[in-house]
Amino acid sequence: MILGAKTRQKDTLLRLFSACIAISILTLLASCQRNALPTHVNGIAQGSAFNITIYGLDDDSLTYRIGTWLSDYNQLASAWDSQSTLSRLNAGDSVYVAQDFVELAQISRMIHSLSNGYMSPTLNPLIEAWGFGSGLGYLNMSDSLAVQQLMRQVNDARSWCPEKPGLWAWPEGMSLSFTSVAQGHSVDLISERLMAMGATAAIVEIGGEVRCFGRKPNGKDFKVGIEKPLEQKSKDLQEIIPLRDRALATSGDYRNVKKDVVTGERYAHTIDAFTGWPARSNMLSATLIGPTCAEADGMATAAMAMGFDATVEWMSAHPLWDAYLIHVRDDGTLATWSSY
């Protein structure tokens, strides 16, 4: 009798153990299935659409968090919000600058050096005057004297970059633009915060600026499509680029274009930091692939001003970078160049 009772007790324990294992396996499978399913967050921010795909993070607050992060960033760096940190500094106010703004300023200063001066935050007076900033602008292609006067404010040697959070003001009369870097920087911040939350992989895209980390659950890399350089926005793709743990940004001179009211001449939004005039470049589209989206964003802008030959020369000196360039040959035909 005692032996039979022990046998039944052993059978019961074995059944309980087996049930626990089965429950654990089912729980693990359910968890793996959840992690394999992406979370999609999209909307409008910074005047552009954003699309974010996240793996390995089951958090119902993601949409709210990302919306809050983007709204907070807008209050720091928007040139179109008169109460943003950047706008108040440009208006001559003393403002408390947060860590994210300090980082944005320091990255902009670094890219000015990295680009050999082709991307300059001090170009803001010219950007505004040509109508590619927050206002309508007033310059035309015959305003040589006005351009010369405004160029006195460009590449101002006075120290303007904050080194840490705290109360800050630009030097008197200085006005800066971080437009060439800010959208990419916001992509970086979101990517880094998703990583800190435990996401296993994600691709973050705001207005065409992209950064990704990790791989999809199927082991495949993310892919990014490069639009054809057409004046009207199109779904037609020029190229598809695989991306792994890197960032990508594209700049082009085929959409944000104005016509001079006096001469009728068309000119694009890239301003030459050495002349103050709209850049006369044979580059139609520059896609730069680098370690961070802020850097890729700034260097894509610089490449448009540098032109094709200077950009290819820059690429040879920076082997950790990649690029996909669309340029115009001397005979007017389009050509492409890539480093990958």
Protein backbone atom coordinates (compact mmCIF):
# COMPACT_ATOMS: atom_id res chain seq x y z
CA MET A 1 0.00 0.00 0.00
CA ILE A 2 2.77 2.41 0.92
CA LEU A 3 4.63 1.50 -2.31
CA GLY A 4 1.45 2.12 -4.38
CA ALA A 5 0.90 5.50 -2.72
CA LYS A 6 4.49 6.53 -3.42
CA THR A 7 4.11 5.45 -7.05
CA ARG A 8 0.92 7.48 -7.45
CA GLN A 9 2.61 10.48 -5.78
CA LYS A 10 5.55 10.15 -8.16
CA ASP A 11 3.23 9.97 -11.17
CA THR A 12 1.40 13.06 -9.97
CA LEU A 13 4.67 14.99 -9.55
CA LEU A 14 5.80 13.91 -13.01
CA ARG A 15 2.52 15.09 -14.54
CA LEU A 16 2.82 18.45 -12.71
CA PHE A 17 6.43 18.81 -13.85
CA SER A 18 5.45 18.00 -17.44
CA ALA A 19 2.61 20.51 -17.27
CA CYS A 20 4.96 23.21 -15.97
CA ILE A 21 7.39 22.51 -18.81
CA ALA A 22 4.57 22.67 -21.35
CA ILE A 23 3.33 25.98 -19.91
CA SER A 24 6.88 27.38 -19.96
CA ILE A 25 7.34 26.33 -23.60
CA LEU A 26 4.01 27.85 -24.59
CA THR A 27 4.88 31.07 -22.74
CA LEU A 28 8.28 31.18 -24.45
CA LEU A 29 6.72 30.55 -27.86
CA ALA A 30 4.13 33.28 -27.25
CA SER A 31 6.90 35.67 -26.19
CA CYS A 32 8.95 34.83 -29.30
CA GLN A 33 5.90 35.39 -31.48
CA ARG A 34 5.30 38.79 -29.87
CA ASN A 35 8.95 39.75 -30.37
CA ALA A 36 8.75 38.67 -34.02
CA LEU A 37 5.80 40.99 -34.62
CA PRO A 38 6.83 44.60 -35.22
CA THR A 39 5.28 47.67 -33.66
CA HIS A 40 4.59 50.43 -36.17
CA VAL A 41 4.43 54.10 -35.14
CA ASN A 42 3.84 56.80 -37.74
CA GLY A 43 2.57 60.34 -38.03
CA ILE A 44 3.63 63.90 -38.87
CA ALA A 45 6.46 65.79 -37.17
CA GLN A 46 8.82 68.60 -38.15
CA GLY A 47 6.68 69.22 -41.23
CA SER A 48 7.39 65.70 -42.51
CA ALA A 49 5.97 62.20 -42.21
CA PHE A 50 7.71 59.78 -39.86
CA ASN A 51 7.61 55.99 -39.92
CA ILE A 52 9.12 53.81 -37.21
CA THR A 53 9.18 50.01 -37.04
CA ILE A 54 10.28 48.42 -33.78
CA TYR A 55 11.02 44.79 -32.87
CA GLY A 56 11.32 43.13 -29.47
CA LEU A 57 9.54 45.85 -27.50
CA ASP A 58 6.01 45.16 -26.29
CA ASP A 59 5.06 48.52 -24.82
CA ASP A 60 1.64 50.11 -25.27
CA SER A 61 3.07 53.55 -24.51
CA LEU A 62 5.40 53.68 -27.55
CA THR A 63 3.15 55.88 -29.68
CA TYR A 64 2.73 58.38 -26.83
CA ARG A 65 6.43 58.33 -25.92
CA ILE A 66 7.63 58.89 -29.48
CA GLY A 67 5.10 61.68 -30.01
CA THR A 68 6.31 63.35 -26.81
CA TRP A 69 9.97 63.00 -27.78
CA LEU A 70 9.33 64.64 -31.14
CA SER A 71 7.25 67.43 -29.63
CA ASP A 72 9.94 68.15 -27.03
CA TYR A 73 12.61 68.21 -29.74
CA ASN A 74 10.57 70.65 -31.80
CA GLN A 75 10.57 73.02 -28.84
CA LEU A 76 14.36 72.92 -28.88
CA ALA A 77 15.34 73.10 -32.52
CA SER A 78 12.47 74.38 -34.68
CA ALA A 79 13.21 77.48 -36.74
CA TRP A 80 9.44 77.86 -37.33
CA ASP A 81 8.44 78.00 -33.64
CA SER A 82 9.15 81.49 -32.33
CA GLN A 83 9.38 80.14 -28.77
CA SER A 84 11.81 77.30 -29.48
CA THR A 85 15.24 77.42 -27.88
CA LEU A 86 16.86 78.07 -31.26
CA SER A 87 14.46 80.86 -32.24
CA ARG A 88 14.85 82.64 -28.92
CA LEU A 89 18.64 82.46 -29.14
CA ASN A 90 18.48 83.86 -32.69
CA ALA A 91 16.27 86.67 -31.34
CA GLY A 92 19.03 87.63 -28.91
CA ASP A 93 17.57 86.11 -25.74
CA SER A 94 19.46 84.32 -22.99
CA VAL A 95 17.94 80.85 -22.73
CA TYR A 96 18.45 77.68 -20.70
CA VAL A 97 19.86 75.11 -23.13
CA ALA A 98 19.10 71.44 -22.40
CA GLN A 99 21.50 68.54 -23.02
CA ASP A 100 19.86 67.56 -26.33
CA PHE A 101 20.32 71.11 -27.64
CA VAL A 102 23.94 71.21 -26.46
CA GLU A 103 24.54 67.96 -28.33
CA LEU A 104 22.88 69.34 -31.49
CA ALA A 105 25.08 72.44 -31.38
CA GLN A 106 28.25 70.42 -30.83
CA ILE A 107 27.44 68.02 -33.68
CA SER A 108 26.82 71.00 -35.98
CA ARG A 109 30.17 72.47 -35.05
CA MET A 110 31.86 69.12 -35.67
CA ILE A 111 30.23 68.68 -39.11
CA HIS A 112 31.36 72.18 -40.10
CA SER A 113 34.90 70.89 -39.62
CA LEU A 114 34.22 67.43 -41.11
CA SER A 115 32.79 69.00 -44.28
CA ASN A 116 35.71 71.42 -44.68
CA GLY A 117 33.35 74.34 -44.10
CA TYR A 118 30.71 73.48 -46.71
CA MET A 119 28.09 72.95 -43.99
CA SER A 120 28.05 76.02 -41.78
CA PRO A 121 25.52 76.84 -39.01
CA THR A 122 26.42 80.52 -39.45
CA LEU A 123 24.74 80.57 -42.89
CA ASN A 124 21.35 81.34 -41.32
CA PRO A 125 21.24 85.04 -42.40
CA LEU A 126 21.67 83.94 -46.04
CA ILE A 127 19.24 81.02 -45.71
CA GLU A 128 16.58 83.39 -44.41
CA ALA A 129 17.36 86.11 -46.95
CA TRP A 130 17.04 83.66 -49.87
CA GLY A 131 13.68 82.46 -48.55
CA PHE A 132 14.70 78.95 -47.50
CA GLY A 133 14.22 79.51 -43.78
CA SER A 134 11.20 80.42 -41.69
CA GLY A 135 10.34 83.55 -43.73
CA LEU A 136 9.67 84.50 -47.33
CA GLY A 137 13.08 86.01 -48.04
CA TYR A 138 13.92 89.09 -50.10
CA LEU A 139 17.08 88.47 -52.13
CA ASN A 140 17.17 88.05 -55.90
CA MET A 141 19.97 87.13 -58.27
CA SER A 142 20.97 90.77 -58.83
CA ASP A 143 21.54 91.58 -55.12
CA SER A 144 25.32 91.25 -55.10
CA LEU A 145 25.90 94.01 -52.53
CA ALA A 146 23.31 92.60 -50.10
CA VAL A 147 24.88 89.13 -50.35
CA GLN A 148 28.34 90.59 -49.65
CA GLN A 149 27.03 92.38 -46.56
CA LEU A 150 25.30 89.28 -45.22
CA MET A 151 28.43 87.19 -45.78
CA ARG A 152 30.15 89.26 -43.10
CA GLN A 153 28.08 87.27 -40.59
CA VAL A 154 29.05 83.87 -42.01
CA ASN A 155 31.89 81.86 -40.44
CA ASP A 156 31.97 84.27 -37.54
CA ALA A 157 34.96 83.21 -35.45
CA ARG A 158 33.33 84.11 -32.14
CA SER A 159 32.60 81.19 -29.81
CA TRP A 160 28.94 80.26 -29.99
CA CYS A 161 28.75 76.56 -29.07
CA PRO A 162 27.64 75.67 -25.50
CA GLU A 163 29.67 72.97 -23.76
CA LYS A 164 27.09 71.94 -21.15
CA PRO A 165 23.45 72.60 -20.18
CA GLY A 166 22.76 75.97 -18.60
CA LEU A 167 21.94 79.59 -19.39
CA TRP A 168 23.30 80.54 -22.81
CA ALA A 169 23.17 83.29 -25.44
CA TRP A 170 24.66 83.69 -28.89
CA PRO A 171 27.28 86.40 -29.38
CA GLU A 172 25.61 89.72 -30.18
CA GLY A 173 24.02 89.83 -33.64
CA MET A 174 24.64 86.13 -34.39
CA SER A 175 21.94 83.93 -35.96
CA LEU A 176 22.44 80.20 -36.52
CA SER A 177 20.72 77.41 -38.42
CA PHE A 178 20.81 73.73 -37.45
CA THR A 179 18.33 72.69 -40.15
CA SER A 180 20.92 70.57 -41.97
CA VAL A 181 21.47 68.43 -38.89
CA ALA A 182 18.41 68.66 -36.62
CA GLN A 183 16.13 66.15 -38.33
CA GLY A 184 18.88 63.56 -38.44
CA HIS A 185 19.72 64.28 -34.80
CA SER A 186 16.10 63.66 -33.79
CA VAL A 187 16.27 60.28 -35.58
CA ASP A 188 19.37 59.43 -33.54
CA LEU A 189 17.73 60.37 -30.25
CA ILE A 190 14.68 58.20 -30.92
CA SER A 191 16.87 55.27 -32.02
CA GLU A 192 19.02 55.51 -28.89
CA ARG A 193 16.00 55.72 -26.60
CA LEU A 194 14.40 52.67 -28.21
CA MET A 195 17.64 50.76 -27.70
CA ALA A 196 17.73 51.86 -24.06
CA MET A 197 14.16 50.57 -23.63
CA GLY A 198 15.24 47.14 -24.82
CA ALA A 199 14.22 47.05 -28.49
CA THR A 200 16.12 44.33 -30.34
CA ALA A 201 15.88 46.05 -33.73
CA ALA A 202 14.28 49.12 -35.28
CA ILE A 203 14.29 51.39 -38.29
CA VAL A 204 13.50 55.06 -37.63
CA GLU A 205 12.68 57.36 -40.56
CA ILE A 206 11.72 61.03 -40.36
CA GLY A 207 11.38 62.97 -43.60
CA GLY A 208 13.65 60.53 -45.44
CA GLU A 209 16.41 60.54 -42.81
CA VAL A 210 16.93 56.98 -41.56
CA ARG A 211 18.76 55.05 -38.89
CA CYS A 212 18.46 51.36 -38.04
CA PHE A 213 19.90 48.94 -35.53
CA GLY A 214 19.73 45.18 -35.18
CA ARG A 215 18.23 42.78 -37.69
CA LYS A 216 14.72 41.66 -38.41
CA PRO A 217 13.67 38.42 -36.64
CA ASN A 218 14.22 36.56 -39.94
CA GLY A 219 17.87 37.66 -39.88
CA LYS A 220 17.54 40.01 -42.84
CA ASP A 221 18.86 43.57 -42.96
CA PHE A 222 16.63 46.59 -43.32
CA LYS A 223 16.36 48.16 -46.78
CA VAL A 224 15.89 51.81 -47.70
CA GLY A 225 14.58 53.08 -51.03
CA ILE A 226 16.08 56.17 -52.66
CA GLU A 227 13.55 58.20 -54.65
CA LYS A 228 14.13 59.13 -58.26
CA PRO A 229 15.15 62.81 -58.56
CA LEU A 230 11.80 64.08 -59.84
CA GLU A 231 10.27 67.50 -59.15
CA GLN A 232 6.97 65.91 -58.12
CA LYS A 233 7.09 63.43 -55.25
CA SER A 234 6.81 59.89 -56.58
CA LYS A 235 6.87 56.32 -55.31
CA ASP A 236 9.32 55.43 -58.09
CA LEU A 237 12.65 54.33 -56.60
CA GLN A 238 16.07 55.01 -58.04
CA GLU A 239 17.88 52.52 -55.81
CA ILE A 240 17.33 50.22 -52.83
CA ILE A 241 20.11 50.25 -50.25
CA PRO A 242 20.59 47.61 -47.52
CA LEU A 243 21.31 49.12 -44.13
CA ARG A 244 22.65 47.51 -40.96
CA ASP A 245 23.46 49.44 -37.76
CA ARG A 246 24.06 52.62 -39.74
CA ALA A 247 22.28 55.81 -40.76
CA LEU A 248 21.37 57.31 -44.13
CA ALA A 249 20.30 60.76 -45.28
CA THR A 250 19.54 62.18 -48.72
CA SER A 251 19.69 65.77 -49.89
CA GLY A 252 18.63 66.95 -53.33
CA ASP A 253 18.20 70.11 -55.37
CA TYR A 254 15.23 69.03 -57.47
CA ARG A 255 12.21 70.02 -55.32
CA ASN A 256 12.91 72.93 -52.97
CA VAL A 257 13.46 75.35 -55.85
CA LYS A 258 12.57 79.02 -56.37
CA LYS A 259 12.43 81.30 -59.41
CA ASP A 260 14.06 84.71 -59.37
CA VAL A 261 11.39 87.42 -59.73
CA VAL A 262 13.70 89.61 -61.85
CA THR A 263 15.60 87.22 -64.11
CA GLY A 264 13.32 84.17 -64.00
CA GLU A 265 16.37 82.02 -63.17
CA ARG A 266 15.67 78.91 -61.08
CA TYR A 267 17.80 78.28 -58.00
CA ALA A 268 17.78 75.61 -55.30
CA HIS A 269 17.93 75.71 -51.52
CA THR A 270 21.58 74.71 -51.04
CA ILE A 271 23.56 77.85 -50.20
CA ASP A 272 27.32 77.98 -50.80
CA ALA A 273 28.97 78.80 -47.46
CA PHE A 274 31.90 80.43 -49.24
CA THR A 275 29.96 82.78 -51.52
CA GLY A 276 26.48 83.21 -50.01
CA TRP A 277 24.85 82.41 -53.35
CA PRO A 278 22.73 79.35 -54.20
CA ALA A 279 25.25 76.64 -54.96
CA ARG A 280 25.93 75.97 -58.64
CA SER A 281 26.58 72.27 -58.42
CA ASN A 282 26.43 69.32 -60.78
CA MET A 283 25.04 67.19 -57.95
CA LEU A 284 21.35 66.37 -58.24
CA SER A 285 21.01 64.06 -55.25
CA ALA A 286 23.43 62.95 -52.54
CA THR A 287 22.77 60.04 -50.21
CA LEU A 288 25.35 59.68 -47.45
CA ILE A 289 25.61 56.62 -45.20
CA GLY A 290 27.47 57.02 -41.93
CA PRO A 291 27.56 56.19 -38.21
CA THR A 292 24.81 58.57 -37.09
CA CYS A 293 21.89 60.22 -38.85
CA ALA A 294 22.92 63.71 -37.72
CA GLU A 295 26.29 63.27 -39.39
CA ALA A 296 24.77 61.74 -42.53
CA ASP A 297 22.22 64.58 -42.68
CA GLY A 298 24.86 67.28 -42.41
CA MET A 299 27.23 65.66 -44.88
CA ALA A 300 24.46 65.08 -47.44
CA THR A 301 23.79 68.83 -47.35
CA ALA A 302 27.51 69.57 -47.64
CA ALA A 303 27.84 67.21 -50.62
CA MET A 304 25.21 69.17 -52.54
CA ALA A 305 27.34 72.31 -52.17
CA MET A 306 30.65 70.49 -52.77
CA GLY A 307 29.59 69.01 -56.09
CA PHE A 308 30.31 65.57 -57.49
CA ASP A 309 34.09 65.61 -57.88
CA ALA A 310 34.79 67.11 -54.45
CA THR A 311 32.37 64.67 -52.80
CA VAL A 312 34.06 61.65 -54.39
CA GLU A 313 37.42 63.02 -53.24
CA TRP A 314 36.00 63.45 -49.71
CA MET A 315 34.73 59.86 -49.79
CA SER A 316 38.20 58.53 -50.63
CA ALA A 317 39.52 60.22 -47.48
CA HIS A 318 36.71 58.80 -45.31
CA PRO A 319 36.54 55.04 -46.00
CA LEU A 320 34.09 54.32 -43.18
CA TRP A 321 31.42 56.26 -45.09
CA ASP A 322 29.39 55.22 -48.13
CA ALA A 323 27.46 57.25 -50.68
CA TYR A 324 25.05 56.99 -53.57
CA LEU A 325 25.28 60.06 -55.82
CA ILE A 326 23.23 61.23 -58.78
CA HIS A 327 24.95 63.92 -60.83
CA VAL A 328 24.72 65.69 -64.15
CA ARG A 329 27.43 65.07 -66.75
CA ASP A 330 28.83 67.85 -68.89
CA ASP A 331 26.55 66.79 -71.74
CA GLY A 332 23.46 67.16 -69.52
CA THR A 333 22.78 63.45 -69.01
CA LEU A 334 22.35 61.88 -65.57
CA ALA A 335 24.84 59.47 -64.05
CA THR A 336 25.09 57.61 -60.76
CA TRP A 337 28.02 56.72 -58.52
CA SER A 338 28.10 54.48 -55.45
CA SER A 339 30.80 53.33 -53.06
CA TYR A 340 29.16 50.11 -51.87
